N, C-alpha and C. Protein backbone atom coordinates (compact mmCIF):
# COMPACT_ATOMS: atom_id res chain seq x y z
N MET A 1 59.49 5.55 77.39
CA MET A 1 60.50 4.65 77.87
C MET A 1 61.73 4.76 76.96
N ALA A 2 62.89 4.97 77.56
CA ALA A 2 64.13 5.06 76.79
C ALA A 2 64.67 3.66 76.51
N ILE A 3 65.06 3.45 75.28
CA ILE A 3 65.59 2.15 74.89
C ILE A 3 67.10 2.20 75.02
N GLU A 4 67.66 1.27 75.80
CA GLU A 4 69.09 1.25 76.06
C GLU A 4 69.74 0.04 75.42
N VAL A 5 71.00 0.20 75.03
CA VAL A 5 71.77 -0.90 74.45
C VAL A 5 71.91 -2.00 75.50
N GLY A 6 71.66 -3.23 75.08
CA GLY A 6 71.77 -4.39 75.98
C GLY A 6 70.43 -4.84 76.53
N ALA A 7 69.39 -4.00 76.39
CA ALA A 7 68.08 -4.36 76.92
C ALA A 7 67.44 -5.46 76.07
N LYS A 8 66.79 -6.42 76.74
CA LYS A 8 66.06 -7.48 76.04
C LYS A 8 64.58 -7.17 76.12
N LEU A 9 63.95 -7.11 74.94
CA LEU A 9 62.54 -6.71 74.86
C LEU A 9 61.78 -7.67 73.96
N GLU A 10 60.45 -7.58 74.03
CA GLU A 10 59.62 -8.33 73.10
C GLU A 10 59.01 -7.34 72.11
N GLY A 11 58.88 -7.80 70.87
CA GLY A 11 58.30 -6.95 69.86
C GLY A 11 57.59 -7.77 68.81
N LYS A 12 56.87 -7.07 67.94
CA LYS A 12 56.11 -7.73 66.89
C LYS A 12 56.69 -7.37 65.53
N VAL A 13 56.90 -8.39 64.69
CA VAL A 13 57.43 -8.17 63.34
C VAL A 13 56.38 -7.43 62.52
N THR A 14 56.79 -6.26 61.99
CA THR A 14 55.85 -5.45 61.21
C THR A 14 56.19 -5.40 59.73
N GLY A 15 57.43 -5.74 59.41
CA GLY A 15 57.82 -5.71 58.00
C GLY A 15 59.01 -6.62 57.76
N ILE A 16 59.06 -7.19 56.55
CA ILE A 16 60.16 -8.07 56.18
C ILE A 16 60.74 -7.59 54.86
N THR A 17 62.08 -7.47 54.83
CA THR A 17 62.78 -7.10 53.60
C THR A 17 63.82 -8.16 53.30
N HIS A 18 64.54 -8.00 52.19
CA HIS A 18 65.58 -8.97 51.85
C HIS A 18 66.78 -8.86 52.77
N PHE A 19 66.93 -7.74 53.50
CA PHE A 19 68.09 -7.54 54.37
C PHE A 19 67.77 -7.67 55.85
N GLY A 20 66.51 -7.93 56.21
CA GLY A 20 66.17 -8.08 57.62
C GLY A 20 64.69 -7.92 57.87
N ALA A 21 64.35 -7.66 59.14
CA ALA A 21 62.95 -7.52 59.53
C ALA A 21 62.81 -6.33 60.48
N PHE A 22 61.71 -5.61 60.33
CA PHE A 22 61.40 -4.50 61.21
C PHE A 22 60.53 -5.00 62.35
N VAL A 23 60.91 -4.63 63.57
CA VAL A 23 60.20 -5.09 64.76
C VAL A 23 59.69 -3.87 65.51
N ASP A 24 58.38 -3.88 65.81
CA ASP A 24 57.75 -2.80 66.56
C ASP A 24 57.90 -3.10 68.05
N LEU A 25 58.60 -2.22 68.75
CA LEU A 25 58.77 -2.36 70.19
C LEU A 25 57.68 -1.56 70.89
N SER A 26 57.67 -1.55 72.20
CA SER A 26 56.62 -0.83 72.92
C SER A 26 56.70 0.67 72.64
N GLY A 27 55.56 1.31 72.62
CA GLY A 27 55.51 2.75 72.42
C GLY A 27 55.64 3.20 70.99
N GLY A 28 55.44 2.29 70.04
CA GLY A 28 55.49 2.66 68.63
C GLY A 28 56.89 2.84 68.08
N VAL A 29 57.90 2.44 68.83
CA VAL A 29 59.28 2.54 68.37
C VAL A 29 59.60 1.30 67.54
N THR A 30 60.24 1.49 66.38
CA THR A 30 60.56 0.39 65.50
C THR A 30 62.07 0.25 65.35
N GLY A 31 62.53 -1.00 65.35
CA GLY A 31 63.95 -1.29 65.16
C GLY A 31 64.12 -2.31 64.05
N LEU A 32 65.36 -2.48 63.60
CA LEU A 32 65.66 -3.41 62.52
C LEU A 32 66.51 -4.56 63.03
N VAL A 33 66.07 -5.78 62.71
CA VAL A 33 66.89 -6.96 62.95
C VAL A 33 67.53 -7.30 61.61
N HIS A 34 68.84 -7.09 61.51
CA HIS A 34 69.54 -7.40 60.26
C HIS A 34 69.52 -8.91 60.03
N ILE A 35 69.58 -9.32 58.76
CA ILE A 35 69.51 -10.74 58.40
C ILE A 35 70.59 -11.56 59.11
N SER A 36 71.74 -10.95 59.39
CA SER A 36 72.83 -11.66 60.06
C SER A 36 72.57 -11.85 61.55
N GLU A 37 71.57 -11.17 62.10
CA GLU A 37 71.25 -11.26 63.52
C GLU A 37 69.97 -12.04 63.80
N ILE A 38 69.46 -12.76 62.78
CA ILE A 38 68.21 -13.50 62.97
C ILE A 38 68.44 -14.86 63.60
N ALA A 39 69.43 -15.60 63.13
CA ALA A 39 69.67 -16.94 63.63
C ALA A 39 71.17 -17.22 63.67
N ASP A 40 71.55 -18.26 64.43
CA ASP A 40 72.96 -18.63 64.54
C ASP A 40 73.49 -19.23 63.24
N ASN A 41 72.61 -19.87 62.47
CA ASN A 41 73.05 -20.47 61.21
C ASN A 41 72.80 -19.48 60.07
N TYR A 42 73.22 -19.84 58.85
CA TYR A 42 73.10 -18.97 57.68
C TYR A 42 71.62 -18.78 57.32
N VAL A 43 71.23 -17.54 57.12
CA VAL A 43 69.86 -17.21 56.74
C VAL A 43 69.88 -16.71 55.30
N LYS A 44 69.32 -17.51 54.40
CA LYS A 44 69.27 -17.12 52.99
C LYS A 44 68.08 -16.20 52.74
N ASP A 45 66.94 -16.54 53.34
CA ASP A 45 65.73 -15.75 53.15
C ASP A 45 65.09 -15.50 54.51
N VAL A 46 64.82 -14.25 54.82
CA VAL A 46 64.25 -13.88 56.12
C VAL A 46 62.89 -14.54 56.31
N LYS A 47 62.15 -14.70 55.22
CA LYS A 47 60.80 -15.28 55.30
C LYS A 47 60.81 -16.74 55.74
N ASP A 48 61.97 -17.40 55.65
CA ASP A 48 62.06 -18.78 56.13
C ASP A 48 62.07 -18.84 57.65
N HIS A 49 62.40 -17.72 58.31
CA HIS A 49 62.52 -17.70 59.76
C HIS A 49 61.45 -16.87 60.46
N LEU A 50 60.97 -15.83 59.78
CA LEU A 50 60.01 -14.91 60.41
C LEU A 50 58.82 -14.65 59.51
N LYS A 51 57.69 -14.33 60.16
CA LYS A 51 56.49 -13.91 59.43
C LYS A 51 55.99 -12.62 60.07
N ILE A 52 55.27 -11.84 59.31
CA ILE A 52 54.67 -10.62 59.85
C ILE A 52 53.69 -11.03 60.96
N GLU A 53 53.67 -10.24 62.02
CA GLU A 53 52.85 -10.45 63.22
C GLU A 53 53.47 -11.44 64.21
N ASP A 54 54.64 -12.03 63.89
CA ASP A 54 55.33 -12.89 64.86
C ASP A 54 55.78 -12.03 66.04
N VAL A 55 55.66 -12.58 67.24
CA VAL A 55 56.17 -11.91 68.44
C VAL A 55 57.54 -12.53 68.73
N VAL A 56 58.57 -11.68 68.79
CA VAL A 56 59.93 -12.16 68.98
C VAL A 56 60.59 -11.44 70.14
N LYS A 57 61.55 -12.14 70.75
CA LYS A 57 62.35 -11.54 71.81
C LYS A 57 63.63 -11.03 71.16
N VAL A 58 63.96 -9.76 71.38
CA VAL A 58 65.12 -9.14 70.75
C VAL A 58 66.00 -8.47 71.79
N LYS A 59 67.25 -8.29 71.42
CA LYS A 59 68.20 -7.55 72.25
C LYS A 59 68.62 -6.31 71.48
N VAL A 60 68.66 -5.17 72.14
CA VAL A 60 69.08 -3.93 71.51
C VAL A 60 70.60 -3.95 71.43
N ILE A 61 71.14 -3.89 70.21
CA ILE A 61 72.60 -3.94 70.06
C ILE A 61 73.20 -2.57 69.73
N ASN A 62 72.40 -1.65 69.21
CA ASN A 62 72.88 -0.27 69.04
C ASN A 62 71.73 0.68 68.82
N VAL A 63 71.97 1.93 69.20
CA VAL A 63 71.01 3.02 68.97
C VAL A 63 71.80 4.17 68.37
N ASP A 64 71.48 4.54 67.13
CA ASP A 64 72.19 5.62 66.45
C ASP A 64 71.68 6.98 66.91
N LYS A 65 72.47 8.01 66.59
CA LYS A 65 72.10 9.37 66.96
C LYS A 65 70.80 9.80 66.29
N ASP A 66 70.58 9.31 65.07
CA ASP A 66 69.37 9.69 64.34
C ASP A 66 68.16 8.84 64.70
N GLY A 67 68.27 8.00 65.72
CA GLY A 67 67.12 7.24 66.21
C GLY A 67 66.98 5.84 65.67
N LYS A 68 67.87 5.40 64.80
CA LYS A 68 67.78 4.04 64.27
C LYS A 68 68.22 3.06 65.34
N ILE A 69 67.44 1.98 65.48
CA ILE A 69 67.70 1.00 66.52
C ILE A 69 68.07 -0.32 65.87
N GLY A 70 69.23 -0.86 66.24
CA GLY A 70 69.67 -2.16 65.74
C GLY A 70 69.32 -3.24 66.75
N LEU A 71 68.68 -4.30 66.28
CA LEU A 71 68.23 -5.37 67.16
C LEU A 71 68.84 -6.70 66.75
N SER A 72 68.83 -7.66 67.68
CA SER A 72 69.33 -9.00 67.40
C SER A 72 68.43 -10.03 68.06
N ILE A 73 68.02 -11.02 67.28
CA ILE A 73 67.24 -12.13 67.84
C ILE A 73 68.19 -13.17 68.39
N LYS A 74 69.28 -13.46 67.69
CA LYS A 74 70.17 -14.53 68.13
C LYS A 74 70.92 -14.17 69.41
N GLN A 75 71.16 -12.89 69.67
CA GLN A 75 71.82 -12.49 70.92
C GLN A 75 70.85 -12.45 72.09
N ALA A 76 69.55 -12.45 71.81
CA ALA A 76 68.55 -12.40 72.87
C ALA A 76 68.27 -13.78 73.47
N ILE A 77 68.78 -14.84 72.82
CA ILE A 77 68.53 -16.19 73.31
C ILE A 77 69.34 -16.41 74.57
N ASP A 78 68.67 -16.87 75.63
CA ASP A 78 69.35 -17.18 76.88
C ASP A 78 69.98 -18.55 76.78
N ARG A 79 71.30 -18.58 76.90
CA ARG A 79 72.02 -19.86 76.85
C ARG A 79 72.58 -20.15 78.23
N PRO A 80 72.67 -21.44 78.57
CA PRO A 80 73.31 -21.79 79.84
C PRO A 80 74.75 -21.28 79.86
N GLU A 81 75.23 -20.96 81.06
CA GLU A 81 76.57 -20.40 81.18
C GLU A 81 77.62 -21.36 80.63
N GLY A 82 78.54 -20.82 79.86
CA GLY A 82 79.60 -21.62 79.29
C GLY A 82 79.28 -22.16 77.92
N GLN A 83 78.02 -22.13 77.51
CA GLN A 83 77.65 -22.65 76.20
C GLN A 83 77.78 -21.53 75.18
N GLN A 84 78.52 -21.80 74.12
CA GLN A 84 78.73 -20.83 73.06
C GLN A 84 77.76 -21.10 71.92
N PRO A 85 77.41 -20.06 71.14
CA PRO A 85 76.57 -20.30 69.97
C PRO A 85 77.33 -21.13 68.96
N PRO A 86 76.63 -21.94 68.16
CA PRO A 86 77.33 -22.77 67.18
C PRO A 86 78.08 -21.90 66.18
N GLN A 87 79.31 -22.28 65.90
CA GLN A 87 80.14 -21.56 64.94
C GLN A 87 80.04 -22.23 63.59
N GLN A 88 80.56 -21.53 62.55
CA GLN A 88 80.61 -22.16 61.23
C GLN A 88 81.57 -23.32 61.31
N ARG A 89 81.25 -24.41 60.61
CA ARG A 89 82.10 -25.59 60.69
C ARG A 89 83.39 -25.36 59.93
N GLU A 90 84.44 -26.01 60.42
CA GLU A 90 85.75 -25.91 59.80
C GLU A 90 85.75 -26.69 58.49
N ARG A 91 86.58 -26.27 57.56
CA ARG A 91 86.73 -27.01 56.32
C ARG A 91 87.63 -28.20 56.57
N THR A 92 87.33 -29.29 55.92
CA THR A 92 88.18 -30.46 56.06
C THR A 92 89.30 -30.40 55.05
N SER A 93 90.34 -31.20 55.25
CA SER A 93 91.50 -31.12 54.37
C SER A 93 91.30 -31.84 53.06
N GLY A 94 90.15 -32.43 52.82
CA GLY A 94 89.93 -33.15 51.58
C GLY A 94 89.60 -32.26 50.41
N GLY A 95 89.12 -31.05 50.64
CA GLY A 95 88.65 -30.21 49.55
C GLY A 95 89.77 -29.46 48.88
N GLY A 96 89.52 -29.00 47.68
CA GLY A 96 90.46 -28.12 46.99
C GLY A 96 89.89 -26.73 47.08
N GLY A 97 89.78 -26.09 45.95
CA GLY A 97 89.07 -24.82 45.88
C GLY A 97 89.78 -23.72 46.64
N ALA A 98 89.14 -22.58 46.65
CA ALA A 98 89.71 -21.41 47.28
C ALA A 98 89.70 -21.58 48.79
N GLY A 99 90.83 -21.38 49.40
CA GLY A 99 90.91 -21.44 50.85
C GLY A 99 90.93 -22.85 51.39
N GLY A 100 90.84 -23.85 50.54
CA GLY A 100 90.84 -25.24 51.03
C GLY A 100 92.23 -25.62 51.46
N GLY A 101 92.38 -26.83 51.88
CA GLY A 101 93.70 -27.28 52.26
C GLY A 101 93.76 -27.71 53.69
N GLY A 102 92.80 -27.34 54.48
CA GLY A 102 92.71 -27.81 55.86
C GLY A 102 93.84 -27.29 56.71
N GLY A 103 93.98 -27.90 57.86
CA GLY A 103 95.00 -27.47 58.80
C GLY A 103 94.71 -26.06 59.26
N GLU A 104 95.71 -25.42 59.83
CA GLU A 104 95.51 -24.04 60.21
C GLU A 104 95.48 -23.20 58.96
N ARG A 105 94.53 -22.32 58.88
CA ARG A 105 94.36 -21.58 57.64
C ARG A 105 95.50 -20.61 57.40
N PHE A 106 95.92 -19.89 58.43
CA PHE A 106 97.02 -18.95 58.28
C PHE A 106 98.05 -19.27 59.35
N ASN A 107 98.96 -20.13 59.02
CA ASN A 107 100.00 -20.50 59.95
C ASN A 107 101.18 -19.58 59.72
N ARG A 108 101.38 -18.61 60.57
CA ARG A 108 102.44 -17.64 60.41
C ARG A 108 103.71 -18.09 61.12
N GLY A 109 103.66 -19.21 61.76
CA GLY A 109 104.76 -19.63 62.61
C GLY A 109 105.95 -20.16 61.86
N GLY A 110 106.01 -20.45 60.65
CA GLY A 110 107.18 -21.01 60.01
C GLY A 110 107.40 -22.45 60.42
N GLY A 111 106.44 -23.05 61.08
CA GLY A 111 106.52 -24.42 61.53
C GLY A 111 106.54 -25.38 60.38
N GLY A 112 105.49 -26.15 60.18
CA GLY A 112 105.54 -27.20 59.19
C GLY A 112 104.66 -27.01 57.98
N GLN A 113 103.97 -25.86 57.83
CA GLN A 113 103.05 -25.71 56.71
C GLN A 113 103.24 -24.35 56.05
N ASP A 114 102.98 -24.31 54.72
CA ASP A 114 102.98 -23.03 54.05
C ASP A 114 101.60 -22.40 54.20
N ARG A 115 101.35 -21.28 53.55
CA ARG A 115 100.09 -20.57 53.74
C ARG A 115 98.88 -21.34 53.23
N GLY A 116 99.08 -22.28 52.33
CA GLY A 116 97.97 -23.08 51.81
C GLY A 116 97.69 -24.31 52.65
N GLY A 117 98.42 -24.50 53.75
CA GLY A 117 98.19 -25.64 54.61
C GLY A 117 98.96 -26.88 54.16
N ARG A 118 99.79 -26.74 53.11
CA ARG A 118 100.56 -27.88 52.63
C ARG A 118 101.85 -27.98 53.44
N PRO A 119 102.40 -29.18 53.56
CA PRO A 119 103.69 -29.32 54.27
C PRO A 119 104.76 -28.50 53.58
N PHE A 120 105.58 -27.85 54.35
CA PHE A 120 106.61 -26.98 53.81
C PHE A 120 107.97 -27.63 53.99
N ASN A 121 108.72 -27.71 52.91
CA ASN A 121 110.04 -28.30 52.94
C ASN A 121 111.04 -27.21 52.59
N LYS A 122 111.86 -26.78 53.55
CA LYS A 122 112.78 -25.67 53.32
C LYS A 122 113.84 -26.01 52.29
N GLN A 123 114.19 -27.28 52.16
CA GLN A 123 115.22 -27.65 51.20
C GLN A 123 114.78 -27.42 49.77
N SER A 124 113.49 -27.62 49.49
CA SER A 124 113.02 -27.47 48.12
C SER A 124 112.43 -26.10 47.84
N ALA A 125 112.54 -25.18 48.79
CA ALA A 125 111.99 -23.84 48.58
C ALA A 125 112.75 -23.16 47.45
N GLY A 126 112.03 -22.61 46.50
CA GLY A 126 112.64 -21.87 45.41
C GLY A 126 112.85 -22.71 44.16
N ARG A 127 112.78 -24.01 44.26
CA ARG A 127 112.92 -24.82 43.05
C ARG A 127 111.81 -25.87 43.04
N PRO A 128 111.33 -26.24 41.87
CA PRO A 128 110.22 -27.18 41.81
C PRO A 128 110.65 -28.59 42.21
N ALA A 129 109.70 -29.35 42.74
CA ALA A 129 109.97 -30.74 43.08
C ALA A 129 110.11 -31.53 41.79
N PHE A 130 110.76 -32.67 41.86
CA PHE A 130 110.99 -33.50 40.69
C PHE A 130 109.67 -33.85 40.02
N GLY A 131 109.58 -33.61 38.70
CA GLY A 131 108.39 -33.95 37.95
C GLY A 131 107.31 -32.88 37.95
N LYS A 132 107.47 -31.85 38.76
CA LYS A 132 106.46 -30.78 38.79
C LYS A 132 106.98 -29.60 37.99
N PRO A 133 106.15 -29.01 37.12
CA PRO A 133 106.61 -27.87 36.34
C PRO A 133 106.79 -26.63 37.22
N SER A 134 107.75 -25.80 36.87
CA SER A 134 107.98 -24.56 37.61
C SER A 134 106.91 -23.54 37.21
N PHE A 135 106.92 -22.43 37.89
CA PHE A 135 105.97 -21.36 37.60
C PHE A 135 106.17 -20.84 36.18
N GLU A 136 107.44 -20.68 35.78
CA GLU A 136 107.74 -20.18 34.44
C GLU A 136 107.23 -21.14 33.37
N ASP A 137 107.37 -22.46 33.62
CA ASP A 137 106.87 -23.45 32.67
C ASP A 137 105.35 -23.34 32.54
N LYS A 138 104.69 -23.21 33.67
CA LYS A 138 103.22 -23.08 33.65
C LYS A 138 102.80 -21.82 32.92
N MET A 139 103.52 -20.74 33.16
CA MET A 139 103.19 -19.46 32.54
C MET A 139 103.37 -19.52 31.03
N SER A 140 104.48 -20.10 30.56
CA SER A 140 104.71 -20.18 29.12
C SER A 140 103.67 -21.08 28.45
N ARG A 141 103.28 -22.18 29.12
CA ARG A 141 102.25 -23.05 28.57
C ARG A 141 100.91 -22.31 28.49
N PHE A 142 100.60 -21.52 29.51
CA PHE A 142 99.37 -20.74 29.51
C PHE A 142 99.36 -19.74 28.36
N LEU A 143 100.46 -19.02 28.16
CA LEU A 143 100.54 -18.04 27.08
C LEU A 143 100.38 -18.70 25.72
N LYS A 144 101.00 -19.85 25.54
CA LYS A 144 100.90 -20.56 24.27
C LYS A 144 99.46 -20.98 24.00
N ASP A 145 98.80 -21.58 25.01
CA ASP A 145 97.39 -21.98 24.85
C ASP A 145 96.50 -20.78 24.58
N SER A 146 96.77 -19.70 25.28
CA SER A 146 95.97 -18.49 25.12
C SER A 146 96.09 -17.93 23.70
N GLU A 147 97.30 -17.88 23.18
CA GLU A 147 97.50 -17.37 21.82
C GLU A 147 96.82 -18.26 20.79
N GLU A 148 96.88 -19.57 20.99
CA GLU A 148 96.20 -20.49 20.08
C GLU A 148 94.70 -20.27 20.08
N ARG A 149 94.14 -20.09 21.25
CA ARG A 149 92.69 -19.86 21.35
C ARG A 149 92.27 -18.55 20.69
N ILE A 150 93.06 -17.51 20.90
CA ILE A 150 92.74 -16.21 20.31
C ILE A 150 92.80 -16.28 18.79
N SER A 151 93.84 -16.95 18.25
CA SER A 151 93.97 -17.03 16.79
C SER A 151 92.82 -17.84 16.19
N SER A 152 92.41 -18.94 16.85
CA SER A 152 91.27 -19.70 16.31
C SER A 152 89.97 -18.91 16.41
N LEU A 153 89.84 -18.13 17.46
CA LEU A 153 88.66 -17.28 17.60
C LEU A 153 88.60 -16.25 16.47
N LYS A 154 89.76 -15.62 16.18
CA LYS A 154 89.80 -14.62 15.11
C LYS A 154 89.46 -15.24 13.77
N LYS A 155 89.97 -16.46 13.51
CA LYS A 155 89.68 -17.14 12.24
C LYS A 155 88.19 -17.39 12.10
N ASN A 156 87.55 -17.80 13.17
CA ASN A 156 86.12 -18.14 13.11
C ASN A 156 85.21 -16.92 13.04
N THR A 157 85.66 -15.78 13.53
CA THR A 157 84.79 -14.59 13.51
C THR A 157 85.05 -13.68 12.32
N GLU A 158 86.20 -13.76 11.66
CA GLU A 158 86.49 -12.87 10.54
C GLU A 158 85.50 -13.02 9.40
N GLY A 159 85.15 -14.22 9.05
CA GLY A 159 84.23 -14.45 7.95
C GLY A 159 82.81 -13.97 8.26
N LYS A 160 82.46 -13.83 9.50
CA LYS A 160 81.11 -13.44 9.87
C LYS A 160 80.91 -11.94 9.91
N ARG A 161 82.00 -11.17 9.88
CA ARG A 161 81.87 -9.71 10.01
C ARG A 161 81.60 -8.99 8.72
N GLY A 162 82.19 -9.46 7.62
CA GLY A 162 82.21 -8.69 6.39
C GLY A 162 80.86 -8.51 5.71
N GLY A 163 80.03 -9.49 5.74
CA GLY A 163 78.78 -9.39 5.00
C GLY A 163 79.04 -9.56 3.50
N ARG A 164 78.18 -10.21 2.77
CA ARG A 164 78.29 -10.48 1.33
C ARG A 164 79.59 -11.19 0.98
N GLY A 165 80.20 -11.86 1.93
CA GLY A 165 81.36 -12.68 1.63
C GLY A 165 82.66 -11.93 1.44
N ALA A 166 82.67 -10.62 1.50
CA ALA A 166 83.91 -9.87 1.31
C ALA A 166 84.70 -9.86 2.61
N LYS A 167 86.00 -10.11 2.51
CA LYS A 167 86.84 -10.09 3.70
C LYS A 167 87.44 -8.70 3.86
N ARG A 168 87.55 -8.28 5.10
CA ARG A 168 88.20 -6.99 5.38
C ARG A 168 89.70 -7.15 5.42
N VAL A 169 90.37 -6.08 5.07
CA VAL A 169 91.83 -6.13 5.08
C VAL A 169 92.37 -5.21 6.12
């Protein structure tokens, strides 16, 4: 039997790795379900979702020239028409961190937000707002703190290198 892309089949889990699970299809043909194709939500460990000898329904998503078969469990699930799989939840505007800031993540429109999702004021572009340090001020403060830390580090490590109390010159 030829295995075609898009076909939905049943198979038995024969092996589990950190990157996915091997599924034996009919006729001794084996395919791989990658960890990203196991469930709609984040899968940290394949063993939390599958066990060896489990019978699973899979969809063939690709067949390579060398015979490798890519399978998907999450695409094999029959959903009612119009229902989409759950997506990753949006970040709320309360967080900081990388990529935080809420709103549209990449607003290229020049409308009301800069790339970080903060309100953009064209009048203050290029100069800092009252009471906020400029980039140059922040940079000079960083360099000063950095130099102080390096000099204190050197002072504390110099005495430990020489051995027998002699200082190097």
